[in-house]
Amino acid sequence: MPSLQGSGADLRRWQRLSLEVPVRLVVHRPMQVDTTNGNGTALNEGGMCVGAGIEMQMGEQVTVELTPPSTSNPLRLWAAVRNRRGHQYGLEFLAENNGERTQVERFRHDLRAVQQEN
């Protein structure tokens, strides 16, 4: 799975799309599951930046629930925290089975359609 590590536009695999989308994060921890609402920005095919008032650690896995602007059907995508600055988190989308791969591909398709409109 590609990583979102690195900085600078020349190191990016995918074009960023500056959108603001409300998200719900479900953080899966060994002894508990925490949920919070946040704001997704800087979306691309491999992940997104999320601002959320919750402490998350590098490598933690979360479920990101969002409704892309091009549809009314919500998506639930697995992601891992890859970087952090304050309460801004860089998340990489993960897909471990066919159902999750289908969800990520649906999101990518919707995202490409929005990018073509802009």
PDB file of N, CA and C in Angstrom:
ATOM      1  N   MET A   1       0.858  -1.177   0.000  1.00  0.00           N
ATOM      2  CA  MET A   1       0.000   0.000   0.000  1.00  0.00           C
ATOM      3  C   MET A   1       0.900   1.236   0.000  1.00  0.00           C
ATOM      4  N   PRO A   2       0.633   2.222  -0.864  1.00  0.00           N
ATOM      5  CA  PRO A   2       1.456   3.429  -0.898  1.00  0.00           C
ATOM      6  C   PRO A   2       1.359   4.193   0.411  1.00  0.00           C
ATOM      7  N   SER A   3       2.413   4.865   0.724  1.00  0.00           N
ATOM      8  CA  SER A   3       2.458   5.657   1.942  1.00  0.00           C
ATOM      9  C   SER A   3       2.378   7.131   1.603  1.00  0.00           C
ATOM     10  N   LEU A   4       1.907   7.934   2.522  1.00  0.00           N
ATOM     11  CA  LEU A   4       1.800   9.368   2.313  1.00  0.00           C
ATOM     12  C   LEU A   4       2.982  10.102   2.918  1.00  0.00           C
ATOM     13  N   GLN A   5       4.041   9.396   3.218  1.00  0.00           N
ATOM     14  CA  GLN A   5       5.185  10.026   3.845  1.00  0.00           C
ATOM     15  C   GLN A   5       5.893  10.929   2.845  1.00  0.00           C
ATOM     16  N   GLY A   6       6.645  11.867   3.371  1.00  0.00           N
ATOM     17  CA  GLY A   6       7.361  12.807   2.526  1.00  0.00           C
ATOM     18  C   GLY A   6       6.629  14.129   2.513  1.00  0.00           C
ATOM     19  N   SER A   7       7.294  15.146   2.018  1.00  0.00           N
ATOM     20  CA  SER A   7       6.653  16.441   1.944  1.00  0.00           C
ATOM     21  C   SER A   7       7.030  17.088   0.633  1.00  0.00           C
ATOM     22  N   GLY A   8       6.274  18.054   0.229  1.00  0.00           N
ATOM     23  CA  GLY A   8       6.526  18.746  -1.021  1.00  0.00           C
ATOM     24  C   GLY A   8       5.689  18.160  -2.133  1.00  0.00           C
ATOM     25  N   ALA A   9       5.230  19.023  -3.018  1.00  0.00           N
ATOM     26  CA  ALA A   9       4.350  18.605  -4.097  1.00  0.00           C
ATOM     27  C   ALA A   9       5.020  17.587  -5.009  1.00  0.00           C
ATOM     28  N   ASP A  10       6.351  17.661  -5.178  1.00  0.00           N
ATOM     29  CA  ASP A  10       7.025  16.751  -6.094  1.00  0.00           C
ATOM     30  C   ASP A  10       7.056  15.317  -5.573  1.00  0.00           C
ATOM     31  N   LEU A  11       6.791  15.080  -4.290  1.00  0.00           N
ATOM     32  CA  LEU A  11       6.790  13.737  -3.735  1.00  0.00           C
ATOM     33  C   LEU A  11       5.399  13.115  -3.678  1.00  0.00           C
ATOM     34  N   ARG A  12       4.375  13.826  -4.080  1.00  0.00           N
ATOM     35  CA  ARG A  12       3.005  13.333  -3.992  1.00  0.00           C
ATOM     36  C   ARG A  12       2.690  12.402  -5.161  1.00  0.00           C
ATOM     37  N   ARG A  13       2.003  11.316  -4.866  1.00  0.00           N
ATOM     38  CA  ARG A  13       1.597  10.381  -5.911  1.00  0.00           C
ATOM     39  C   ARG A  13       0.335  10.838  -6.633  1.00  0.00           C
ATOM     40  N   TRP A  14      -0.538  11.520  -5.898  1.00  0.00           N
ATOM     41  CA  TRP A  14      -1.818  11.928  -6.450  1.00  0.00           C
ATOM     42  C   TRP A  14      -2.047  13.407  -6.221  1.00  0.00           C
ATOM     43  N   GLN A  15      -2.785  14.002  -7.134  1.00  0.00           N
ATOM     44  CA  GLN A  15      -3.142  15.414  -7.005  1.00  0.00           C
ATOM     45  C   GLN A  15      -4.083  15.586  -5.825  1.00  0.00           C
ATOM     46  N   ARG A  16      -3.839  16.619  -5.041  1.00  0.00           N
ATOM     47  CA  ARG A  16      -4.721  16.916  -3.917  1.00  0.00           C
ATOM     48  C   ARG A  16      -5.923  17.692  -4.409  1.00  0.00           C
ATOM     49  N   LEU A  17      -7.054  17.424  -3.785  1.00  0.00           N
ATOM     50  CA  LEU A  17      -8.269  18.163  -4.058  1.00  0.00           C
ATOM     51  C   LEU A  17      -8.663  18.862  -2.766  1.00  0.00           C
ATOM     52  N   SER A  18      -8.707  20.172  -2.796  1.00  0.00           N
ATOM     53  CA  SER A  18      -9.059  20.938  -1.600  1.00  0.00           C
ATOM     54  C   SER A  18     -10.571  21.001  -1.466  1.00  0.00           C
ATOM     55  N   LEU A  19     -11.096  20.158  -0.633  1.00  0.00           N
ATOM     56  CA  LEU A  19     -12.524  20.118  -0.315  1.00  0.00           C
ATOM     57  C   LEU A  19     -12.653  20.083   1.200  1.00  0.00           C
ATOM     58  N   GLU A  20     -13.769  20.558   1.671  1.00  0.00           N
ATOM     59  CA  GLU A  20     -14.067  20.385   3.096  1.00  0.00           C
ATOM     60  C   GLU A  20     -15.263  19.468   3.186  1.00  0.00           C
ATOM     61  N   VAL A  21     -15.055  18.377   3.863  1.00  0.00           N
ATOM     62  CA  VAL A  21     -16.086  17.355   3.968  1.00  0.00           C
ATOM     63  C   VAL A  21     -16.193  16.932   5.425  1.00  0.00           C
ATOM     64  N   PRO A  22     -17.390  16.939   6.000  1.00  0.00           N
ATOM     65  CA  PRO A  22     -17.518  16.452   7.376  1.00  0.00           C
ATOM     66  C   PRO A  22     -17.241  14.948   7.427  1.00  0.00           C
ATOM     67  N   VAL A  23     -16.540  14.524   8.447  1.00  0.00           N
ATOM     68  CA  VAL A  23     -16.222  13.107   8.614  1.00  0.00           C
ATOM     69  C   VAL A  23     -16.534  12.676  10.040  1.00  0.00           C
ATOM     70  N   ARG A  24     -16.728  11.411  10.181  1.00  0.00           N
ATOM     71  CA  ARG A  24     -16.836  10.788  11.498  1.00  0.00           C
ATOM     72  C   ARG A  24     -15.703   9.787  11.588  1.00  0.00           C
ATOM     73  N   LEU A  25     -14.944   9.852  12.653  1.00  0.00           N
ATOM     74  CA  LEU A  25     -13.823   8.941  12.854  1.00  0.00           C
ATOM     75  C   LEU A  25     -14.166   7.957  13.964  1.00  0.00           C
ATOM     76  N   VAL A  26     -13.874   6.703  13.706  1.00  0.00           N
ATOM     77  CA  VAL A  26     -14.005   5.660  14.713  1.00  0.00           C
ATOM     78  C   VAL A  26     -12.598   5.115  14.922  1.00  0.00           C
ATOM     79  N   VAL A  27     -12.041   5.379  16.113  1.00  0.00           N
ATOM     80  CA  VAL A  27     -10.673   4.974  16.428  1.00  0.00           C
ATOM     81  C   VAL A  27     -10.738   3.647  17.170  1.00  0.00           C
ATOM     82  N   HIS A  28     -10.099   2.643  16.595  1.00  0.00           N
ATOM     83  CA  HIS A  28     -10.144   1.290  17.149  1.00  0.00           C
ATOM     84  C   HIS A  28      -8.912   1.059  18.014  1.00  0.00           C
ATOM     85  N   ARG A  29      -9.172   0.944  19.321  1.00  0.00           N
ATOM     86  CA  ARG A  29      -8.095   0.740  20.292  1.00  0.00           C
ATOM     87  C   ARG A  29      -8.315  -0.589  21.013  1.00  0.00           C
ATOM     88  N   PRO A  30      -7.258  -1.141  21.621  1.00  0.00           N
ATOM     89  CA  PRO A  30      -7.391  -2.463  22.251  1.00  0.00           C
ATOM     90  C   PRO A  30      -8.495  -2.548  23.308  1.00  0.00           C
ATOM     91  N   MET A  31      -8.633  -1.542  24.144  1.00  0.00           N
ATOM     92  CA  MET A  31      -9.600  -1.632  25.236  1.00  0.00           C
ATOM     93  C   MET A  31     -10.862  -0.815  25.011  1.00  0.00           C
ATOM     94  N   GLN A  32     -10.923  -0.037  23.919  1.00  0.00           N
ATOM     95  CA  GLN A  32     -12.097   0.798  23.693  1.00  0.00           C
ATOM     96  C   GLN A  32     -12.145   1.262  22.249  1.00  0.00           C
ATOM     97  N   VAL A  33     -13.286   1.755  21.880  1.00  0.00           N
ATOM     98  CA  VAL A  33     -13.484   2.373  20.570  1.00  0.00           C
ATOM     99  C   VAL A  33     -13.948   3.795  20.825  1.00  0.00           C
ATOM    100  N   ASP A  34     -13.236   4.764  20.259  1.00  0.00           N
ATOM    101  CA  ASP A  34     -13.592   6.170  20.413  1.00  0.00           C
ATOM    102  C   ASP A  34     -14.122   6.706  19.094  1.00  0.00           C
ATOM    103  N   THR A  35     -15.123   7.583  19.169  1.00  0.00           N
ATOM    104  CA  THR A  35     -15.656   8.215  17.967  1.00  0.00           C
ATOM    105  C   THR A  35     -15.637   9.725  18.145  1.00  0.00           C
ATOM    106  N   THR A  36     -15.489  10.418  17.026  1.00  0.00           N
ATOM    107  CA  THR A  36     -15.523  11.870  17.030  1.00  0.00           C
ATOM    108  C   THR A  36     -15.872  12.358  15.638  1.00  0.00           C
ATOM    109  N   ASN A  37     -16.365  13.572  15.566  1.00  0.00           N
ATOM    110  CA  ASN A  37     -16.606  14.213  14.281  1.00  0.00           C
ATOM    111  C   ASN A  37     -15.425  15.100  13.958  1.00  0.00           C
ATOM    112  N   GLY A  38     -15.165  15.275  12.684  1.00  0.00           N
ATOM    113  CA  GLY A  38     -14.058  16.111  12.253  1.00  0.00           C
ATOM    114  C   GLY A  38     -14.331  16.690  10.885  1.00  0.00           C
ATOM    115  N   ASN A  39     -13.284  17.250  10.304  1.00  0.00           N
ATOM    116  CA  ASN A  39     -13.384  17.892   9.009  1.00  0.00           C
ATOM    117  C   ASN A  39     -12.268  17.365   8.116  1.00  0.00           C
ATOM    118  N   GLY A  40     -12.639  16.763   6.997  1.00  0.00           N
ATOM    119  CA  GLY A  40     -11.660  16.245   6.059  1.00  0.00           C
ATOM    120  C   GLY A  40     -11.311  17.293   5.016  1.00  0.00           C
ATOM    121  N   THR A  41     -10.021  17.407   4.717  1.00  0.00           N
ATOM    122  CA  THR A  41      -9.539  18.339   3.701  1.00  0.00           C
ATOM    123  C   THR A  41      -8.409  17.655   2.933  1.00  0.00           C
ATOM    124  N   ALA A  42      -7.936  18.333   1.908  1.00  0.00           N
ATOM    125  CA  ALA A  42      -6.786  17.855   1.142  1.00  0.00           C
ATOM    126  C   ALA A  42      -6.950  16.390   0.756  1.00  0.00           C
ATOM    127  N   LEU A  43      -8.066  16.055   0.153  1.00  0.00           N
ATOM    128  CA  LEU A  43      -8.348  14.688  -0.240  1.00  0.00           C
ATOM    129  C   LEU A  43      -7.549  14.302  -1.472  1.00  0.00           C
ATOM    130  N   ASN A  44      -7.133  13.045  -1.529  1.00  0.00           N
ATOM    131  CA  ASN A  44      -6.593  12.488  -2.752  1.00  0.00           C
ATOM    132  C   ASN A  44      -6.889  11.000  -2.768  1.00  0.00           C
ATOM    133  N   GLU A  45      -6.434  10.321  -3.802  1.00  0.00           N
ATOM    134  CA  GLU A  45      -6.783   8.919  -3.968  1.00  0.00           C
ATOM    135  C   GLU A  45      -6.192   8.013  -2.900  1.00  0.00           C
ATOM    136  N   GLY A  46      -5.121   8.445  -2.258  1.00  0.00           N
ATOM    137  CA  GLY A  46      -4.473   7.594  -1.271  1.00  0.00           C
ATOM    138  C   GLY A  46      -4.821   7.902   0.159  1.00  0.00           C
ATOM    139  N   GLY A  47      -5.438   9.063   0.401  1.00  0.00           N
ATOM    140  CA  GLY A  47      -5.757   9.402   1.773  1.00  0.00           C
ATOM    141  C   GLY A  47      -6.317  10.801   1.891  1.00  0.00           C
ATOM    142  N   MET A  48      -6.269  11.320   3.096  1.00  0.00           N
ATOM    143  CA  MET A  48      -6.814  12.646   3.344  1.00  0.00           C
ATOM    144  C   MET A  48      -6.234  13.223   4.616  1.00  0.00           C
ATOM    145  N   CYS A  49      -6.369  14.531   4.724  1.00  0.00           N
ATOM    146  CA  CYS A  49      -6.032  15.226   5.959  1.00  0.00           C
ATOM    147  C   CYS A  49      -7.330  15.427   6.728  1.00  0.00           C
ATOM    148  N   VAL A  50      -7.295  15.150   8.020  1.00  0.00           N
ATOM    149  CA  VAL A  50      -8.481  15.281   8.860  1.00  0.00           C
ATOM    150  C   VAL A  50      -8.134  16.108  10.092  1.00  0.00           C
ATOM    151  N   GLY A  51      -8.958  17.096  10.362  1.00  0.00           N
ATOM    152  CA  GLY A  51      -8.862  17.844  11.603  1.00  0.00           C
ATOM    153  C   GLY A  51      -9.899  17.298  12.563  1.00  0.00           C
ATOM    154  N   ALA A  52      -9.453  16.875  13.736  1.00  0.00           N
ATOM    155  CA  ALA A  52     -10.384  16.283  14.704  1.00  0.00           C
ATOM    156  C   ALA A  52      -9.873  16.525  16.118  1.00  0.00           C
ATOM    157  N   GLY A  53     -10.782  16.781  17.033  1.00  0.00           N
ATOM    158  CA  GLY A  53     -10.433  17.044  18.421  1.00  0.00           C
ATOM    159  C   GLY A  53     -10.280  15.772  19.220  1.00  0.00           C
ATOM    160  N   ILE A  54      -9.415  14.889  18.762  1.00  0.00           N
ATOM    161  CA  ILE A  54      -9.163  13.631  19.465  1.00  0.00           C
ATOM    162  C   ILE A  54      -7.671  13.333  19.333  1.00  0.00           C
ATOM    163  N   GLU A  55      -7.107  12.695  20.320  1.00  0.00           N
ATOM    164  CA  GLU A  55      -5.703  12.297  20.256  1.00  0.00           C
ATOM    165  C   GLU A  55      -5.601  10.965  19.531  1.00  0.00           C
ATOM    166  N   MET A  56      -4.842  10.966  18.442  1.00  0.00           N
ATOM    167  CA  MET A  56      -4.561   9.728  17.718  1.00  0.00           C
ATOM    168  C   MET A  56      -3.058   9.609  17.566  1.00  0.00           C
ATOM    169  N   GLN A  57      -2.574   8.402  17.601  1.00  0.00           N
ATOM    170  CA  GLN A  57      -1.137   8.134  17.511  1.00  0.00           C
ATOM    171  C   GLN A  57      -0.784   7.598  16.125  1.00  0.00           C
ATOM    172  N   MET A  58       0.475   7.797  15.751  1.00  0.00           N
ATOM    173  CA  MET A  58       0.964   7.276  14.486  1.00  0.00           C
ATOM    174  C   MET A  58       0.716   5.764  14.428  1.00  0.00           C
ATOM    175  N   GLY A  59       0.205   5.317  13.296  1.00  0.00           N
ATOM    176  CA  GLY A  59      -0.045   3.894  13.093  1.00  0.00           C
ATOM    177  C   GLY A  59      -1.412   3.416  13.539  1.00  0.00           C
ATOM    178  N   GLU A  60      -2.130   4.202  14.337  1.00  0.00           N
ATOM    179  CA  GLU A  60      -3.466   3.777  14.770  1.00  0.00           C
ATOM    180  C   GLU A  60      -4.377   3.623  13.560  1.00  0.00           C
ATOM    181  N   GLN A  61      -5.259   2.632  13.633  1.00  0.00           N
ATOM    182  CA  GLN A  61      -6.211   2.431  12.555  1.00  0.00           C
ATOM    183  C   GLN A  61      -7.560   3.006  12.943  1.00  0.00           C
ATOM    184  N   VAL A  62      -8.187   3.637  11.957  1.00  0.00           N
ATOM    185  CA  VAL A  62      -9.471   4.296  12.163  1.00  0.00           C
ATOM    186  C   VAL A  62     -10.395   3.954  11.006  1.00  0.00           C
ATOM    187  N   THR A  63     -11.666   4.064  11.264  1.00  0.00           N
ATOM    188  CA  THR A  63     -12.644   4.020  10.200  1.00  0.00           C
ATOM    189  C   THR A  63     -13.062   5.459   9.943  1.00  0.00           C
ATOM    190  N   VAL A  64     -12.998   5.876   8.685  1.00  0.00           N
ATOM    191  CA  VAL A  64     -13.402   7.219   8.284  1.00  0.00           C
ATOM    192  C   VAL A  64     -14.760   7.080   7.602  1.00  0.00           C
ATOM    193  N   GLU A  65     -15.752   7.770   8.118  1.00  0.00           N
ATOM    194  CA  GLU A  65     -17.077   7.773   7.506  1.00  0.00           C
ATOM    195  C   GLU A  65     -17.314   9.151   6.911  1.00  0.00           C
ATOM    196  N   LEU A  66     -17.592   9.192   5.596  1.00  0.00           N
ATOM    197  CA  LEU A  66     -17.808  10.463   4.927  1.00  0.00           C
ATOM    198  C   LEU A  66     -18.763  10.282   3.771  1.00  0.00           C
ATOM    199  N   THR A  67     -19.357  11.391   3.362  1.00  0.00           N
ATOM    200  CA  THR A  67     -20.220  11.405   2.185  1.00  0.00           C
ATOM    201  C   THR A  67     -19.572  12.322   1.169  1.00  0.00           C
ATOM    202  N   PRO A  68     -19.025  11.759   0.083  1.00  0.00           N
ATOM    203  CA  PRO A  68     -18.391  12.595  -0.936  1.00  0.00           C
ATOM    204  C   PRO A  68     -19.383  13.580  -1.530  1.00  0.00           C
ATOM    205  N   PRO A  69     -18.887  14.712  -2.023  1.00  0.00           N
ATOM    206  CA  PRO A  69     -19.780  15.747  -2.550  1.00  0.00           C
ATOM    207  C   PRO A  69     -20.599  15.298  -3.758  1.00  0.00           C
ATOM    208  N   SER A  70     -20.136  14.284  -4.467  1.00  0.00           N
ATOM    209  CA  SER A  70     -20.812  13.872  -5.696  1.00  0.00           C
ATOM    210  C   SER A  70     -21.917  12.842  -5.473  1.00  0.00           C
ATOM    211  N   THR A  71     -22.174  12.458  -4.222  1.00  0.00           N
ATOM    212  CA  THR A  71     -23.167  11.427  -3.956  1.00  0.00           C
ATOM    213  C   THR A  71     -23.794  11.645  -2.580  1.00  0.00           C
ATOM    214  N   SER A  72     -24.909  11.005  -2.353  1.00  0.00           N
ATOM    215  CA  SER A  72     -25.513  11.078  -1.024  1.00  0.00           C
ATOM    216  C   SER A  72     -25.266   9.788  -0.242  1.00  0.00           C
ATOM    217  N   ASN A  73     -24.543   8.855  -0.846  1.00  0.00           N
ATOM    218  CA  ASN A  73     -24.257   7.583  -0.189  1.00  0.00           C
ATOM    219  C   ASN A  73     -22.964   7.675   0.615  1.00  0.00           C
ATOM    220  N   PRO A  74     -23.032   7.428   1.915  1.00  0.00           N
ATOM    221  CA  PRO A  74     -21.816   7.527   2.741  1.00  0.00           C
ATOM    222  C   PRO A  74     -20.845   6.387   2.457  1.00  0.00           C
ATOM    223  N   LEU A  75     -19.575   6.664   2.664  1.00  0.00           N
ATOM    224  CA  LEU A  75     -18.508   5.674   2.546  1.00  0.00           C
ATOM    225  C   LEU A  75     -17.915   5.421   3.916  1.00  0.00           C
ATOM    226  N   ARG A  76     -17.476   4.205   4.126  1.00  0.00           N
ATOM    227  CA  ARG A  76     -16.736   3.847   5.342  1.00  0.00           C
ATOM    228  C   ARG A  76     -15.429   3.237   4.872  1.00  0.00           C
ATOM    229  N   LEU A  77     -14.337   3.920   5.163  1.00  0.00           N
ATOM    230  CA  LEU A  77     -13.025   3.500   4.695  1.00  0.00           C
ATOM    231  C   LEU A  77     -12.086   3.302   5.872  1.00  0.00           C
ATOM    232  N   TRP A  78     -11.307   2.217   5.832  1.00  0.00           N
ATOM    233  CA  TRP A  78     -10.264   2.013   6.828  1.00  0.00           C
ATOM    234  C   TRP A  78      -9.087   2.887   6.459  1.00  0.00           C
ATOM    235  N   ALA A  79      -8.432   3.432   7.470  1.00  0.00           N
ATOM    236  CA  ALA A  79      -7.259   4.265   7.245  1.00  0.00           C
ATOM    237  C   ALA A  79      -6.308   4.102   8.422  1.00  0.00           C
ATOM    238  N   ALA A  80      -5.064   4.491   8.183  1.00  0.00           N
ATOM    239  CA  ALA A  80      -4.059   4.488   9.239  1.00  0.00           C
ATOM    240  C   ALA A  80      -3.494   5.894   9.371  1.00  0.00           C
ATOM    241  N   VAL A  81      -3.211   6.293  10.605  1.00  0.00           N
ATOM    242  CA  VAL A  81      -2.601   7.599  10.854  1.00  0.00           C
ATOM    243  C   VAL A  81      -1.136   7.510  10.434  1.00  0.00           C
ATOM    244  N   ARG A  82      -0.749   8.348   9.467  1.00  0.00           N
ATOM    245  CA  ARG A  82       0.633   8.339   8.953  1.00  0.00           C
ATOM    246  C   ARG A  82       1.430   9.558   9.382  1.00  0.00           C
ATOM    247  N   ASN A  83       0.757  10.678   9.647  1.00  0.00           N
ATOM    248  CA  ASN A  83       1.468  11.840  10.170  1.00  0.00           C
ATOM    249  C   ASN A  83       0.501  12.700  10.957  1.00  0.00           C
ATOM    250  N   ARG A  84       1.095  13.635  11.688  1.00  0.00           N
ATOM    251  CA  ARG A  84       0.278  14.429  12.597  1.00  0.00           C
ATOM    252  C   ARG A  84       0.941  15.773  12.844  1.00  0.00           C
ATOM    253  N   ARG A  85       0.111  16.805  12.905  1.00  0.00           N
ATOM    254  CA  ARG A  85       0.550  18.139  13.326  1.00  0.00           C
ATOM    255  C   ARG A  85      -0.589  18.697  14.169  1.00  0.00           C
ATOM    256  N   GLY A  86      -0.406  18.685  15.488  1.00  0.00           N
ATOM    257  CA  GLY A  86      -1.483  19.093  16.385  1.00  0.00           C
ATOM    258  C   GLY A  86      -2.646  18.131  16.259  1.00  0.00           C
ATOM    259  N   HIS A  87      -3.823  18.675  15.964  1.00  0.00           N
ATOM    260  CA  HIS A  87      -5.005  17.837  15.753  1.00  0.00           C
ATOM    261  C   HIS A  87      -5.337  17.699  14.269  1.00  0.00           C
ATOM    262  N   GLN A  88      -4.341  17.889  13.409  1.00  0.00           N
ATOM    263  CA  GLN A  88      -4.459  17.619  11.976  1.00  0.00           C
ATOM    264  C   GLN A  88      -3.722  16.308  11.703  1.00  0.00           C
ATOM    265  N   TYR A  89      -4.418  15.367  11.092  1.00  0.00           N
ATOM    266  CA  TYR A  89      -3.862  14.038  10.883  1.00  0.00           C
ATOM    267  C   TYR A  89      -3.834  13.694   9.399  1.00  0.00           C
ATOM    268  N   GLY A  90      -2.741  13.111   8.956  1.00  0.00           N
ATOM    269  CA  GLY A  90      -2.643  12.569   7.611  1.00  0.00           C
ATOM    270  C   GLY A  90      -3.010  11.103   7.658  1.00  0.00           C
ATOM    271  N   LEU A  91      -4.075  10.738   6.957  1.00  0.00           N
ATOM    272  CA  LEU A  91      -4.563   9.362   6.964  1.00  0.00           C
ATOM    273  C   LEU A  91      -4.316   8.708   5.610  1.00  0.00           C
ATOM    274  N   GLU A  92      -3.858   7.473   5.631  1.00  0.00           N
ATOM    275  CA  GLU A  92      -3.686   6.674   4.425  1.00  0.00           C
ATOM    276  C   GLU A  92      -4.807   5.644   4.376  1.00  0.00           C
ATOM    277  N   PHE A  93      -5.530   5.597   3.259  1.00  0.00           N
ATOM    278  CA  PHE A  93      -6.596   4.614   3.109  1.00  0.00           C
ATOM    279  C   PHE A  93      -6.002   3.218   3.002  1.00  0.00           C
ATOM    280  N   LEU A  94      -6.648   2.255   3.667  1.00  0.00           N
ATOM    281  CA  LEU A  94      -6.237   0.858   3.668  1.00  0.00           C
ATOM    282  C   LEU A  94      -7.343   0.009   3.071  1.00  0.00           C
ATOM    283  N   ALA A  95      -6.961  -1.064   2.421  1.00  0.00           N
ATOM    284  CA  ALA A  95      -7.955  -2.003   1.889  1.00  0.00           C
ATOM    285  C   ALA A  95      -7.386  -3.402   2.054  1.00  0.00           C
ATOM    286  N   GLU A  96      -8.033  -4.214   2.892  1.00  0.00           N
ATOM    287  CA  GLU A  96      -7.504  -5.539   3.183  1.00  0.00           C
ATOM    288  C   GLU A  96      -8.338  -6.668   2.603  1.00  0.00           C
ATOM    289  N   ASN A  97      -9.524  -6.353   2.064  1.00  0.00           N
ATOM    290  CA  ASN A  97     -10.348  -7.388   1.441  1.00  0.00           C
ATOM    291  C   ASN A  97     -11.110  -6.777   0.269  1.00  0.00           C
ATOM    292  N   ASN A  98     -11.828  -7.587  -0.457  1.00  0.00           N
ATOM    293  CA  ASN A  98     -12.522  -7.107  -1.662  1.00  0.00           C
ATOM    294  C   ASN A  98     -13.558  -6.032  -1.361  1.00  0.00           C
ATOM    295  N   GLY A  99     -14.281  -6.167  -0.265  1.00  0.00           N
ATOM    296  CA  GLY A  99     -15.276  -5.163   0.101  1.00  0.00           C
ATOM    297  C   GLY A  99     -14.633  -3.811   0.372  1.00  0.00           C
ATOM    298  N   GLU A 100     -13.528  -3.823   1.101  1.00  0.00           N
ATOM    299  CA  GLU A 100     -12.825  -2.568   1.389  1.00  0.00           C
ATOM    300  C   GLU A 100     -12.193  -1.995   0.129  1.00  0.00           C
ATOM    301  N   ARG A 101     -11.647  -2.857  -0.734  1.00  0.00           N
ATOM    302  CA  ARG A 101     -11.083  -2.372  -1.998  1.00  0.00           C
ATOM    303  C   ARG A 101     -12.160  -1.727  -2.855  1.00  0.00           C
ATOM    304  N   THR A 102     -13.359  -2.298  -2.848  1.00  0.00           N
ATOM    305  CA  THR A 102     -14.476  -1.727  -3.601  1.00  0.00           C
ATOM    306  C   THR A 102     -14.837  -0.352  -3.061  1.00  0.00           C
ATOM    307  N   GLN A 103     -14.867  -0.191  -1.732  1.00  0.00           N
ATOM    308  CA  GLN A 103     -15.174   1.107  -1.127  1.00  0.00           C
ATOM    309  C   GLN A 103     -14.125   2.152  -1.504  1.00  0.00           C
ATOM    310  N   VAL A 104     -12.838   1.778  -1.424  1.00  0.00           N
ATOM    311  CA  VAL A 104     -11.778   2.718  -1.772  1.00  0.00           C
ATOM    312  C   VAL A 104     -11.863   3.076  -3.244  1.00  0.00           C
ATOM    313  N   GLU A 105     -12.110   2.099  -4.099  1.00  0.00           N
ATOM    314  CA  GLU A 105     -12.212   2.383  -5.535  1.00  0.00           C
ATOM    315  C   GLU A 105     -13.417   3.280  -5.829  1.00  0.00           C
ATOM    316  N   ARG A 106     -14.520   3.064  -5.119  1.00  0.00           N
ATOM    317  CA  ARG A 106     -15.690   3.939  -5.295  1.00  0.00           C
ATOM    318  C   ARG A 106     -15.341   5.375  -4.917  1.00  0.00           C
ATOM    319  N   PHE A 107     -14.641   5.527  -3.807  1.00  0.00           N
ATOM    320  CA  PHE A 107     -14.228   6.854  -3.384  1.00  0.00           C
ATOM    321  C   PHE A 107     -13.319   7.487  -4.433  1.00  0.00           C
ATOM    322  N   ARG A 108     -12.358   6.721  -4.935  1.00  0.00           N
ATOM    323  CA  ARG A 108     -11.441   7.242  -5.953  1.00  0.00           C
ATOM    324  C   ARG A 108     -12.196   7.669  -7.204  1.00  0.00           C
ATOM    325  N   HIS A 109     -13.168   6.872  -7.611  1.00  0.00           N
ATOM    326  CA  HIS A 109     -13.974   7.213  -8.784  1.00  0.00           C
ATOM    327  C   HIS A 109     -14.726   8.525  -8.549  1.00  0.00           C
ATOM    328  N   ASP A 110     -15.368   8.641  -7.401  1.00  0.00           N
ATOM    329  CA  ASP A 110     -16.103   9.865  -7.063  1.00  0.00           C
ATOM    330  C   ASP A 110     -15.161  11.064  -7.006  1.00  0.00           C
ATOM    331  N   LEU A 111     -13.978  10.864  -6.445  1.00  0.00           N
ATOM    332  CA  LEU A 111     -13.014  11.946  -6.322  1.00  0.00           C
ATOM    333  C   LEU A 111     -12.531  12.396  -7.702  1.00  0.00           C
ATOM    334  N   ARG A 112     -12.249  11.443  -8.593  1.00  0.00           N
ATOM    335  CA  ARG A 112     -11.826  11.808  -9.953  1.00  0.00           C
ATOM    336  C   ARG A 112     -12.911  12.619 -10.662  1.00  0.00           C
ATOM    337  N   ALA A 113     -14.166  12.236 -10.466  1.00  0.00           N
ATOM    338  CA  ALA A 113     -15.273  12.956 -11.105  1.00  0.00           C
ATOM    339  C   ALA A 113     -15.332  14.393 -10.609  1.00  0.00           C
ATOM    340  N   VAL A 114     -15.142  14.602  -9.309  1.00  0.00           N
ATOM    341  CA  VAL A 114     -15.153  15.956  -8.750  1.00  0.00           C
ATOM    342  C   VAL A 114     -13.972  16.759  -9.284  1.00  0.00           C
ATOM    343  N   GLN A 115     -12.799  16.113  -9.387  1.00  0.00           N
ATOM    344  CA  GLN A 115     -11.614  16.806  -9.896  1.00  0.00           C
ATOM    345  C   GLN A 115     -11.821  17.261 -11.337  1.00  0.00           C
ATOM    346  N   GLN A 116     -12.484  16.451 -12.140  1.00  0.00           N
ATOM    347  CA  GLN A 116     -12.719  16.804 -13.544  1.00  0.00           C
ATOM    348  C   GLN A 116     -13.698  17.979 -13.666  1.00  0.00           C
ATOM    349  N   GLU A 117     -14.597  18.100 -12.698  1.00  0.00           N
ATOM    350  CA  GLU A 117     -15.554  19.223 -12.709  1.00  0.00           C
ATOM    351  C   GLU A 117     -14.862  20.525 -12.377  1.00  0.00           C
ATOM    352  N   ASN A 118     -13.774  20.483 -11.614  1.00  0.00           N
ATOM    353  CA  ASN A 118     -13.086  21.714 -11.173  1.00  0.00           C
ATOM    354  C   ASN A 118     -12.093  22.198 -12.171  1.00  0.00           C
TER     355      ASN A 118
END
